[in-house]
């Protein structure tokens, strides 16, 4: 975990959601973006959820990430209590395999926006990258880190392309 000031708070509805965000935590570490992880339920601990959402801006936090499955109310509850950007991360549930969570998060009412990322293996990393992009609007160091990350992805693909092209050349 980075020693940088907290800029992103991940709020998970359950500790069973932790495996879904590990790639995102690694991504924020790579970009030197400070974060916190909390386990809070929109239904079982509404007051602490409210406290986190309402107090985040004053703490210098720029993005909240709500991770939830099933009814997936957590991202919407966060968005109802702050004007900060909120990213919803739908995680698979026993009932709908993640589609139920995705649909719950993307069906927010007018005036309560929640950005939503994929409901698959990439969800944590994509949430972290979206948070970094939001923060990069006002932070040149984060923007530079994102550019370096994109260059690294491109270089990896080109290296694989060269290897495959050489292996299968006639």
N, C-alpha and C. Protein backbone atom coordinates (compact mmCIF):
# COMPACT_ATOMS: atom_id res chain seq x y z
N UNK A 1 0.84 -1.19 0.00
CA UNK A 1 0.00 0.00 0.00
C UNK A 1 0.88 1.25 0.00
N UNK A 2 0.46 2.22 -0.76
CA UNK A 2 1.20 3.46 -0.90
C UNK A 2 1.16 4.28 0.40
N UNK A 3 2.22 5.04 0.65
CA UNK A 3 2.24 5.96 1.80
C UNK A 3 1.65 7.32 1.43
N UNK A 4 1.17 7.43 0.19
CA UNK A 4 0.58 8.69 -0.28
C UNK A 4 -0.71 8.98 0.47
N UNK A 5 -1.12 10.24 0.53
CA UNK A 5 -2.39 10.57 1.18
C UNK A 5 -3.55 9.84 0.50
N UNK A 6 -4.57 9.55 1.26
CA UNK A 6 -5.73 8.83 0.71
C UNK A 6 -6.46 9.68 -0.30
N UNK A 7 -6.55 9.19 -1.53
CA UNK A 7 -7.29 9.88 -2.59
C UNK A 7 -8.50 9.07 -3.04
N UNK A 8 -8.47 7.75 -2.73
CA UNK A 8 -9.55 6.84 -3.14
C UNK A 8 -9.95 6.02 -1.92
N UNK A 9 -11.25 5.88 -1.72
CA UNK A 9 -11.73 4.97 -0.69
C UNK A 9 -12.57 3.90 -1.37
N UNK A 10 -12.18 2.65 -1.12
CA UNK A 10 -12.96 1.49 -1.56
C UNK A 10 -13.88 1.11 -0.41
N UNK A 11 -15.17 1.02 -0.68
CA UNK A 11 -16.13 0.58 0.33
C UNK A 11 -16.75 -0.70 -0.19
N UNK A 12 -16.53 -1.79 0.53
CA UNK A 12 -17.02 -3.09 0.13
C UNK A 12 -18.18 -3.50 1.03
N UNK A 13 -19.19 -4.08 0.44
CA UNK A 13 -20.33 -4.53 1.22
C UNK A 13 -20.04 -5.76 2.05
N UNK A 14 -18.98 -6.48 1.70
CA UNK A 14 -18.64 -7.72 2.39
C UNK A 14 -17.17 -8.04 2.19
N UNK A 15 -16.58 -8.73 3.15
CA UNK A 15 -15.18 -9.14 2.97
C UNK A 15 -15.04 -10.17 1.86
N UNK A 16 -16.12 -10.82 1.45
CA UNK A 16 -16.05 -11.77 0.33
C UNK A 16 -15.78 -11.05 -0.99
N UNK A 17 -15.90 -9.71 -1.00
CA UNK A 17 -15.63 -8.92 -2.20
C UNK A 17 -14.14 -8.59 -2.36
N UNK A 18 -13.35 -8.83 -1.33
CA UNK A 18 -11.92 -8.48 -1.38
C UNK A 18 -11.17 -9.05 -2.59
N UNK A 19 -11.35 -10.32 -2.95
CA UNK A 19 -10.61 -10.84 -4.10
C UNK A 19 -10.89 -10.09 -5.40
N UNK A 20 -12.05 -9.46 -5.50
CA UNK A 20 -12.42 -8.75 -6.72
C UNK A 20 -11.68 -7.43 -6.88
N UNK A 21 -11.08 -6.92 -5.81
CA UNK A 21 -10.43 -5.61 -5.91
C UNK A 21 -8.91 -5.68 -5.83
N UNK A 22 -8.34 -6.86 -5.60
CA UNK A 22 -6.89 -6.96 -5.42
C UNK A 22 -6.11 -6.38 -6.59
N UNK A 23 -6.54 -6.64 -7.81
CA UNK A 23 -5.83 -6.08 -8.97
C UNK A 23 -5.94 -4.56 -8.99
N UNK A 24 -7.05 -4.03 -8.48
CA UNK A 24 -7.20 -2.57 -8.41
C UNK A 24 -6.30 -1.95 -7.36
N UNK A 25 -6.15 -2.63 -6.23
CA UNK A 25 -5.24 -2.12 -5.20
C UNK A 25 -3.81 -2.10 -5.72
N UNK A 26 -3.44 -3.15 -6.43
CA UNK A 26 -2.09 -3.20 -7.03
C UNK A 26 -1.90 -2.08 -8.04
N UNK A 27 -2.95 -1.79 -8.81
CA UNK A 27 -2.86 -0.72 -9.81
C UNK A 27 -2.66 0.63 -9.13
N UNK A 28 -3.41 0.89 -8.07
CA UNK A 28 -3.23 2.16 -7.36
C UNK A 28 -1.85 2.25 -6.72
N UNK A 29 -1.34 1.12 -6.20
CA UNK A 29 0.03 1.10 -5.68
C UNK A 29 1.02 1.45 -6.78
N UNK A 30 0.85 0.85 -7.95
CA UNK A 30 1.74 1.13 -9.08
C UNK A 30 1.74 2.61 -9.45
N UNK A 31 0.57 3.24 -9.34
CA UNK A 31 0.45 4.65 -9.69
C UNK A 31 0.71 5.59 -8.50
N UNK A 32 1.09 5.03 -7.36
CA UNK A 32 1.37 5.79 -6.13
C UNK A 32 0.18 6.64 -5.68
N UNK A 33 -1.01 6.06 -5.78
CA UNK A 33 -2.22 6.73 -5.34
C UNK A 33 -2.65 6.10 -4.01
N UNK A 34 -2.76 6.91 -2.99
CA UNK A 34 -3.14 6.42 -1.67
C UNK A 34 -4.61 6.04 -1.61
N UNK A 35 -4.90 4.99 -0.85
CA UNK A 35 -6.27 4.51 -0.74
C UNK A 35 -6.52 3.89 0.62
N UNK A 36 -7.80 3.72 0.91
CA UNK A 36 -8.26 2.98 2.08
C UNK A 36 -9.27 1.94 1.60
N UNK A 37 -9.41 0.88 2.35
CA UNK A 37 -10.43 -0.13 2.08
C UNK A 37 -11.28 -0.28 3.34
N UNK A 38 -12.59 -0.21 3.16
CA UNK A 38 -13.52 -0.34 4.27
C UNK A 38 -14.53 -1.45 3.95
N UNK A 39 -15.00 -2.14 4.96
CA UNK A 39 -16.08 -3.12 4.83
C UNK A 39 -17.28 -2.52 5.56
N UNK A 40 -18.25 -2.03 4.80
CA UNK A 40 -19.44 -1.40 5.37
C UNK A 40 -20.64 -1.78 4.51
N UNK A 41 -21.76 -1.98 5.13
CA UNK A 41 -22.97 -2.38 4.44
C UNK A 41 -23.96 -1.23 4.36
N UNK A 42 -24.49 -1.01 3.16
CA UNK A 42 -25.53 0.02 2.99
C UNK A 42 -26.74 -0.28 3.86
N UNK A 43 -26.99 -1.56 4.12
CA UNK A 43 -28.19 -1.95 4.87
C UNK A 43 -27.91 -2.19 6.36
N UNK A 44 -26.76 -2.74 6.70
CA UNK A 44 -26.47 -3.10 8.09
C UNK A 44 -25.72 -2.01 8.86
N UNK A 45 -24.98 -1.17 8.15
CA UNK A 45 -24.22 -0.10 8.80
C UNK A 45 -24.43 1.23 8.05
N UNK A 46 -25.66 1.69 7.93
CA UNK A 46 -25.90 2.90 7.14
C UNK A 46 -25.24 4.15 7.70
N UNK A 47 -25.14 4.28 9.01
CA UNK A 47 -24.53 5.49 9.58
C UNK A 47 -23.04 5.59 9.25
N UNK A 48 -22.24 4.53 9.43
CA UNK A 48 -20.84 4.62 9.03
C UNK A 48 -20.66 4.84 7.52
N UNK A 49 -21.51 4.25 6.70
CA UNK A 49 -21.44 4.50 5.26
C UNK A 49 -21.67 5.98 5.00
N UNK A 50 -22.66 6.55 5.64
CA UNK A 50 -22.97 7.96 5.51
C UNK A 50 -21.79 8.82 5.96
N UNK A 51 -21.17 8.46 7.08
CA UNK A 51 -20.02 9.22 7.60
C UNK A 51 -18.87 9.21 6.60
N UNK A 52 -18.58 8.06 6.01
CA UNK A 52 -17.48 7.96 5.03
C UNK A 52 -17.78 8.85 3.83
N UNK A 53 -18.98 8.73 3.29
CA UNK A 53 -19.33 9.49 2.09
C UNK A 53 -19.33 10.99 2.36
N UNK A 54 -19.93 11.41 3.45
CA UNK A 54 -20.03 12.84 3.74
C UNK A 54 -18.70 13.46 4.15
N UNK A 55 -17.80 12.68 4.74
CA UNK A 55 -16.53 13.23 5.21
C UNK A 55 -15.37 13.09 4.25
N UNK A 56 -15.58 12.44 3.13
CA UNK A 56 -14.46 12.13 2.22
C UNK A 56 -13.82 13.38 1.62
N UNK A 57 -14.61 14.29 1.12
CA UNK A 57 -14.05 15.48 0.45
C UNK A 57 -13.15 16.27 1.40
N UNK A 58 -13.61 16.46 2.64
CA UNK A 58 -12.81 17.23 3.60
C UNK A 58 -11.48 16.56 3.90
N UNK A 59 -11.41 15.25 3.71
CA UNK A 59 -10.16 14.51 3.94
C UNK A 59 -9.24 14.52 2.72
N UNK A 60 -9.66 15.14 1.62
CA UNK A 60 -8.85 15.17 0.41
C UNK A 60 -9.08 14.00 -0.52
N UNK A 61 -10.08 13.19 -0.22
CA UNK A 61 -10.42 12.06 -1.09
C UNK A 61 -11.07 12.61 -2.35
N UNK A 62 -10.76 12.00 -3.49
CA UNK A 62 -11.30 12.46 -4.77
C UNK A 62 -12.31 11.53 -5.40
N UNK A 63 -12.27 10.24 -5.03
CA UNK A 63 -13.15 9.25 -5.65
C UNK A 63 -13.53 8.20 -4.61
N UNK A 64 -14.80 7.80 -4.62
CA UNK A 64 -15.26 6.68 -3.81
C UNK A 64 -15.58 5.52 -4.76
N UNK A 65 -15.21 4.31 -4.35
CA UNK A 65 -15.52 3.12 -5.14
C UNK A 65 -16.36 2.20 -4.27
N UNK A 66 -17.60 1.97 -4.70
CA UNK A 66 -18.51 1.09 -3.99
C UNK A 66 -18.55 -0.27 -4.64
N UNK A 67 -18.22 -1.31 -3.89
CA UNK A 67 -18.15 -2.67 -4.41
C UNK A 67 -19.28 -3.47 -3.78
N UNK A 68 -20.15 -4.04 -4.63
CA UNK A 68 -21.31 -4.72 -4.06
C UNK A 68 -21.87 -5.75 -5.03
N UNK A 69 -22.50 -6.76 -4.45
CA UNK A 69 -23.18 -7.79 -5.23
C UNK A 69 -24.65 -7.81 -4.89
N UNK A 70 -25.38 -8.66 -5.56
CA UNK A 70 -26.81 -8.79 -5.28
C UNK A 70 -27.55 -7.51 -5.59
N UNK A 71 -28.29 -6.99 -4.63
CA UNK A 71 -29.05 -5.76 -4.83
C UNK A 71 -28.13 -4.58 -5.13
N UNK A 72 -26.90 -4.65 -4.68
CA UNK A 72 -25.85 -3.68 -5.01
C UNK A 72 -26.25 -2.23 -4.75
N UNK A 73 -26.82 -1.96 -3.60
CA UNK A 73 -27.24 -0.61 -3.26
C UNK A 73 -26.10 0.30 -2.83
N UNK A 74 -24.99 -0.26 -2.40
CA UNK A 74 -23.92 0.53 -1.80
C UNK A 74 -23.43 1.68 -2.68
N UNK A 75 -23.10 1.48 -3.96
CA UNK A 75 -22.65 2.63 -4.75
C UNK A 75 -23.67 3.75 -4.83
N UNK A 76 -24.93 3.40 -4.96
CA UNK A 76 -25.98 4.42 -5.03
C UNK A 76 -26.15 5.17 -3.73
N UNK A 77 -26.04 4.47 -2.62
CA UNK A 77 -26.13 5.12 -1.31
C UNK A 77 -24.97 6.10 -1.15
N UNK A 78 -23.77 5.70 -1.57
CA UNK A 78 -22.62 6.61 -1.51
C UNK A 78 -22.88 7.85 -2.35
N UNK A 79 -23.37 7.64 -3.58
CA UNK A 79 -23.61 8.77 -4.48
C UNK A 79 -24.69 9.70 -3.95
N UNK A 80 -25.63 9.17 -3.19
CA UNK A 80 -26.69 9.99 -2.62
C UNK A 80 -26.17 10.90 -1.51
N UNK A 81 -25.00 10.57 -0.95
CA UNK A 81 -24.48 11.30 0.21
C UNK A 81 -23.27 12.17 -0.08
N UNK A 82 -22.84 12.23 -1.35
CA UNK A 82 -21.67 13.04 -1.69
C UNK A 82 -21.81 13.58 -3.10
N UNK A 83 -21.01 14.60 -3.42
CA UNK A 83 -20.92 15.08 -4.80
C UNK A 83 -19.62 14.61 -5.45
N UNK A 84 -18.83 13.83 -4.73
CA UNK A 84 -17.63 13.25 -5.31
C UNK A 84 -18.02 12.19 -6.36
N UNK A 85 -17.13 11.92 -7.31
CA UNK A 85 -17.40 10.82 -8.24
C UNK A 85 -17.47 9.49 -7.48
N UNK A 86 -18.44 8.67 -7.84
CA UNK A 86 -18.59 7.33 -7.27
C UNK A 86 -18.53 6.33 -8.42
N UNK A 87 -17.69 5.32 -8.23
CA UNK A 87 -17.59 4.22 -9.19
C UNK A 87 -18.20 2.99 -8.55
N UNK A 88 -19.12 2.36 -9.26
CA UNK A 88 -19.74 1.13 -8.78
C UNK A 88 -19.05 -0.08 -9.39
N UNK A 89 -18.73 -1.04 -8.54
CA UNK A 89 -18.10 -2.28 -8.99
C UNK A 89 -19.07 -3.43 -8.70
N UNK A 90 -19.72 -3.95 -9.75
CA UNK A 90 -20.63 -5.06 -9.53
C UNK A 90 -19.86 -6.37 -9.40
N UNK A 91 -20.16 -7.13 -8.37
CA UNK A 91 -19.49 -8.42 -8.18
C UNK A 91 -20.51 -9.54 -8.30
N UNK A 92 -20.06 -10.69 -8.73
CA UNK A 92 -20.98 -11.82 -8.90
C UNK A 92 -21.67 -12.21 -7.60
N UNK A 93 -22.92 -12.61 -7.74
CA UNK A 93 -23.67 -13.14 -6.62
C UNK A 93 -24.16 -14.53 -7.00
N UNK A 94 -24.68 -15.25 -6.04
CA UNK A 94 -25.17 -16.60 -6.30
C UNK A 94 -26.38 -16.58 -7.22
N UNK A 95 -27.13 -15.49 -7.20
CA UNK A 95 -28.37 -15.43 -7.95
C UNK A 95 -28.16 -15.14 -9.44
N UNK A 96 -27.44 -14.08 -9.75
CA UNK A 96 -27.37 -13.63 -11.15
C UNK A 96 -25.98 -13.63 -11.75
N UNK A 97 -24.99 -14.13 -11.04
CA UNK A 97 -23.65 -14.19 -11.59
C UNK A 97 -23.00 -12.85 -11.87
N UNK A 98 -23.53 -11.78 -11.35
CA UNK A 98 -22.97 -10.45 -11.57
C UNK A 98 -23.87 -9.56 -12.39
N UNK A 99 -24.71 -10.17 -13.25
CA UNK A 99 -25.62 -9.37 -14.06
C UNK A 99 -26.62 -8.63 -13.18
N UNK A 100 -27.10 -9.28 -12.12
CA UNK A 100 -28.04 -8.62 -11.21
C UNK A 100 -27.39 -7.41 -10.55
N UNK A 101 -26.13 -7.56 -10.16
CA UNK A 101 -25.40 -6.45 -9.52
C UNK A 101 -25.18 -5.32 -10.52
N UNK A 102 -24.77 -5.67 -11.72
CA UNK A 102 -24.54 -4.67 -12.76
C UNK A 102 -25.81 -3.88 -13.04
N UNK A 103 -26.92 -4.58 -13.22
CA UNK A 103 -28.17 -3.89 -13.51
C UNK A 103 -28.61 -3.00 -12.35
N UNK A 104 -28.38 -3.44 -11.13
CA UNK A 104 -28.73 -2.61 -9.97
C UNK A 104 -27.93 -1.32 -9.96
N UNK A 105 -26.66 -1.40 -10.30
CA UNK A 105 -25.80 -0.21 -10.23
C UNK A 105 -26.06 0.75 -11.38
N UNK A 106 -26.30 0.23 -12.58
CA UNK A 106 -26.46 1.14 -13.73
C UNK A 106 -27.84 1.78 -13.79
N UNK A 107 -28.79 1.33 -13.00
CA UNK A 107 -30.14 1.87 -13.05
C UNK A 107 -30.37 2.95 -12.00
N UNK A 108 -29.41 3.83 -11.84
CA UNK A 108 -29.55 4.91 -10.88
C UNK A 108 -30.56 5.94 -11.38
N UNK A 109 -31.28 6.58 -10.45
CA UNK A 109 -32.25 7.60 -10.87
C UNK A 109 -31.55 8.88 -11.31
N UNK A 110 -32.28 9.70 -12.03
CA UNK A 110 -31.77 10.98 -12.50
C UNK A 110 -31.24 11.80 -11.33
N UNK A 111 -30.06 12.36 -11.51
CA UNK A 111 -29.46 13.22 -10.49
C UNK A 111 -28.55 12.52 -9.51
N UNK A 112 -28.46 11.18 -9.59
CA UNK A 112 -27.60 10.42 -8.68
C UNK A 112 -26.70 9.50 -9.54
N UNK A 113 -25.71 10.09 -10.22
CA UNK A 113 -24.89 9.29 -11.13
C UNK A 113 -23.89 8.40 -10.41
N UNK A 114 -23.71 7.22 -10.96
CA UNK A 114 -22.68 6.28 -10.52
C UNK A 114 -22.03 5.71 -11.77
N UNK A 115 -20.73 5.89 -11.91
CA UNK A 115 -20.01 5.26 -13.02
C UNK A 115 -19.92 3.77 -12.70
N UNK A 116 -19.95 2.93 -13.71
CA UNK A 116 -19.94 1.49 -13.48
C UNK A 116 -18.89 0.83 -14.36
N UNK A 117 -18.17 -0.12 -13.79
CA UNK A 117 -17.18 -0.88 -14.55
C UNK A 117 -17.66 -2.31 -14.74
N UNK A 118 -16.87 -3.06 -15.45
CA UNK A 118 -17.22 -4.43 -15.80
C UNK A 118 -17.48 -5.31 -14.59
N UNK A 119 -18.34 -6.29 -14.80
CA UNK A 119 -18.68 -7.25 -13.74
C UNK A 119 -17.92 -8.55 -13.97
N UNK A 120 -16.64 -8.43 -14.25
CA UNK A 120 -15.83 -9.62 -14.51
C UNK A 120 -14.49 -9.50 -13.79
N UNK A 121 -13.55 -10.32 -14.19
CA UNK A 121 -12.24 -10.37 -13.54
C UNK A 121 -11.51 -9.02 -13.57
N UNK A 122 -11.83 -8.18 -14.53
CA UNK A 122 -11.15 -6.89 -14.69
C UNK A 122 -11.76 -5.79 -13.83
N UNK A 123 -12.82 -6.08 -13.06
CA UNK A 123 -13.57 -5.02 -12.38
C UNK A 123 -12.71 -4.18 -11.44
N UNK A 124 -11.88 -4.80 -10.63
CA UNK A 124 -11.07 -4.04 -9.68
C UNK A 124 -10.05 -3.16 -10.36
N UNK A 125 -9.36 -3.72 -11.34
CA UNK A 125 -8.34 -2.95 -12.05
C UNK A 125 -8.98 -1.80 -12.83
N UNK A 126 -10.10 -2.08 -13.49
CA UNK A 126 -10.77 -1.02 -14.24
C UNK A 126 -11.29 0.08 -13.33
N UNK A 127 -11.79 -0.28 -12.16
CA UNK A 127 -12.25 0.75 -11.21
C UNK A 127 -11.08 1.63 -10.78
N UNK A 128 -9.94 1.01 -10.50
CA UNK A 128 -8.76 1.77 -10.10
C UNK A 128 -8.29 2.69 -11.23
N UNK A 129 -8.29 2.19 -12.45
CA UNK A 129 -7.85 3.02 -13.58
C UNK A 129 -8.82 4.16 -13.84
N UNK A 130 -10.11 3.91 -13.70
CA UNK A 130 -11.08 5.00 -13.87
C UNK A 130 -10.90 6.04 -12.77
N UNK A 131 -10.70 5.60 -11.54
CA UNK A 131 -10.44 6.54 -10.45
C UNK A 131 -9.19 7.36 -10.75
N UNK A 132 -8.14 6.71 -11.23
CA UNK A 132 -6.90 7.42 -11.56
C UNK A 132 -7.12 8.44 -12.67
N UNK A 133 -7.91 8.07 -13.66
CA UNK A 133 -8.21 9.01 -14.74
C UNK A 133 -8.96 10.23 -14.22
N UNK A 134 -9.90 10.00 -13.32
CA UNK A 134 -10.64 11.13 -12.73
C UNK A 134 -9.68 12.03 -11.96
N UNK A 135 -8.82 11.43 -11.15
CA UNK A 135 -7.88 12.22 -10.36
C UNK A 135 -6.83 12.91 -11.24
N UNK A 136 -6.50 12.32 -12.38
CA UNK A 136 -5.46 12.87 -13.26
C UNK A 136 -5.85 14.20 -13.88
N UNK A 137 -7.13 14.53 -13.88
CA UNK A 137 -7.57 15.82 -14.42
C UNK A 137 -6.86 16.96 -13.70
N UNK A 138 -6.61 16.79 -12.42
CA UNK A 138 -5.98 17.86 -11.62
C UNK A 138 -4.63 17.44 -11.04
N UNK A 139 -4.06 16.33 -11.52
CA UNK A 139 -2.80 15.85 -10.95
C UNK A 139 -1.89 15.33 -12.06
N UNK A 140 -0.87 16.13 -12.40
CA UNK A 140 0.03 15.79 -13.51
C UNK A 140 0.83 14.52 -13.24
N UNK A 141 1.17 14.24 -11.98
CA UNK A 141 1.91 13.02 -11.67
C UNK A 141 1.09 11.77 -11.96
N UNK A 142 -0.19 11.81 -11.60
CA UNK A 142 -1.05 10.67 -11.90
C UNK A 142 -1.22 10.54 -13.41
N UNK A 143 -1.38 11.67 -14.11
CA UNK A 143 -1.52 11.63 -15.57
C UNK A 143 -0.28 11.00 -16.20
N UNK A 144 0.89 11.35 -15.71
CA UNK A 144 2.13 10.78 -16.24
C UNK A 144 2.20 9.28 -15.95
N UNK A 145 1.78 8.88 -14.78
CA UNK A 145 1.76 7.45 -14.45
C UNK A 145 0.82 6.68 -15.35
N UNK A 146 -0.34 7.26 -15.66
CA UNK A 146 -1.28 6.61 -16.57
C UNK A 146 -0.70 6.49 -17.97
N UNK A 147 -0.01 7.53 -18.43
CA UNK A 147 0.63 7.47 -19.75
C UNK A 147 1.68 6.36 -19.78
N UNK A 148 2.47 6.26 -18.74
CA UNK A 148 3.49 5.20 -18.68
C UNK A 148 2.82 3.82 -18.67
N UNK A 149 1.73 3.69 -17.94
CA UNK A 149 1.01 2.41 -17.90
C UNK A 149 0.49 2.04 -19.30
N UNK A 150 -0.07 3.01 -20.01
CA UNK A 150 -0.57 2.76 -21.36
C UNK A 150 0.56 2.37 -22.30
N UNK A 151 1.70 3.04 -22.19
CA UNK A 151 2.85 2.68 -23.02
C UNK A 151 3.29 1.25 -22.72
N UNK A 152 3.31 0.88 -21.46
CA UNK A 152 3.70 -0.47 -21.08
C UNK A 152 2.76 -1.52 -21.65
N UNK A 153 1.45 -1.24 -21.63
CA UNK A 153 0.49 -2.17 -22.21
C UNK A 153 0.73 -2.32 -23.72
N UNK A 154 0.96 -1.19 -24.40
CA UNK A 154 1.20 -1.22 -25.84
C UNK A 154 2.47 -2.01 -26.16
N UNK A 155 3.52 -1.77 -25.40
CA UNK A 155 4.78 -2.49 -25.62
C UNK A 155 4.60 -3.99 -25.43
N UNK A 156 3.82 -4.39 -24.44
CA UNK A 156 3.59 -5.82 -24.20
C UNK A 156 2.84 -6.46 -25.36
N UNK A 157 1.85 -5.77 -25.90
CA UNK A 157 1.10 -6.30 -27.04
C UNK A 157 2.00 -6.39 -28.27
N UNK A 158 2.79 -5.35 -28.52
CA UNK A 158 3.68 -5.37 -29.69
C UNK A 158 4.73 -6.47 -29.57
N UNK A 159 5.22 -6.73 -28.37
CA UNK A 159 6.18 -7.82 -28.18
C UNK A 159 5.53 -9.17 -28.48
N UNK A 160 4.31 -9.37 -28.05
CA UNK A 160 3.59 -10.61 -28.36
C UNK A 160 3.32 -10.72 -29.85
N UNK A 161 2.99 -9.60 -30.49
CA UNK A 161 2.75 -9.59 -31.93
C UNK A 161 4.02 -10.00 -32.68
N UNK A 162 5.15 -9.45 -32.29
CA UNK A 162 6.41 -9.78 -32.96
C UNK A 162 6.73 -11.26 -32.79
N UNK A 163 6.51 -11.79 -31.60
CA UNK A 163 6.77 -13.20 -31.33
C UNK A 163 5.88 -14.11 -32.17
N UNK A 164 4.60 -13.81 -32.22
CA UNK A 164 3.66 -14.64 -32.99
C UNK A 164 3.92 -14.49 -34.49
N UNK A 165 4.19 -13.27 -34.95
CA UNK A 165 4.47 -13.05 -36.37
C UNK A 165 5.68 -13.85 -36.82
N UNK A 166 6.70 -13.88 -35.98
CA UNK A 166 7.91 -14.62 -36.32
C UNK A 166 7.65 -16.13 -36.29
N UNK A 167 6.93 -16.60 -35.31
CA UNK A 167 6.66 -18.03 -35.17
C UNK A 167 5.83 -18.57 -36.34
N UNK A 168 4.89 -17.79 -36.83
CA UNK A 168 3.98 -18.27 -37.87
C UNK A 168 4.25 -17.69 -39.25
N UNK A 169 5.41 -17.12 -39.46
CA UNK A 169 5.77 -16.58 -40.77
C UNK A 169 6.03 -17.73 -41.74
N UNK A 170 5.58 -17.56 -42.99
CA UNK A 170 5.82 -18.58 -44.02
C UNK A 170 7.13 -18.35 -44.71
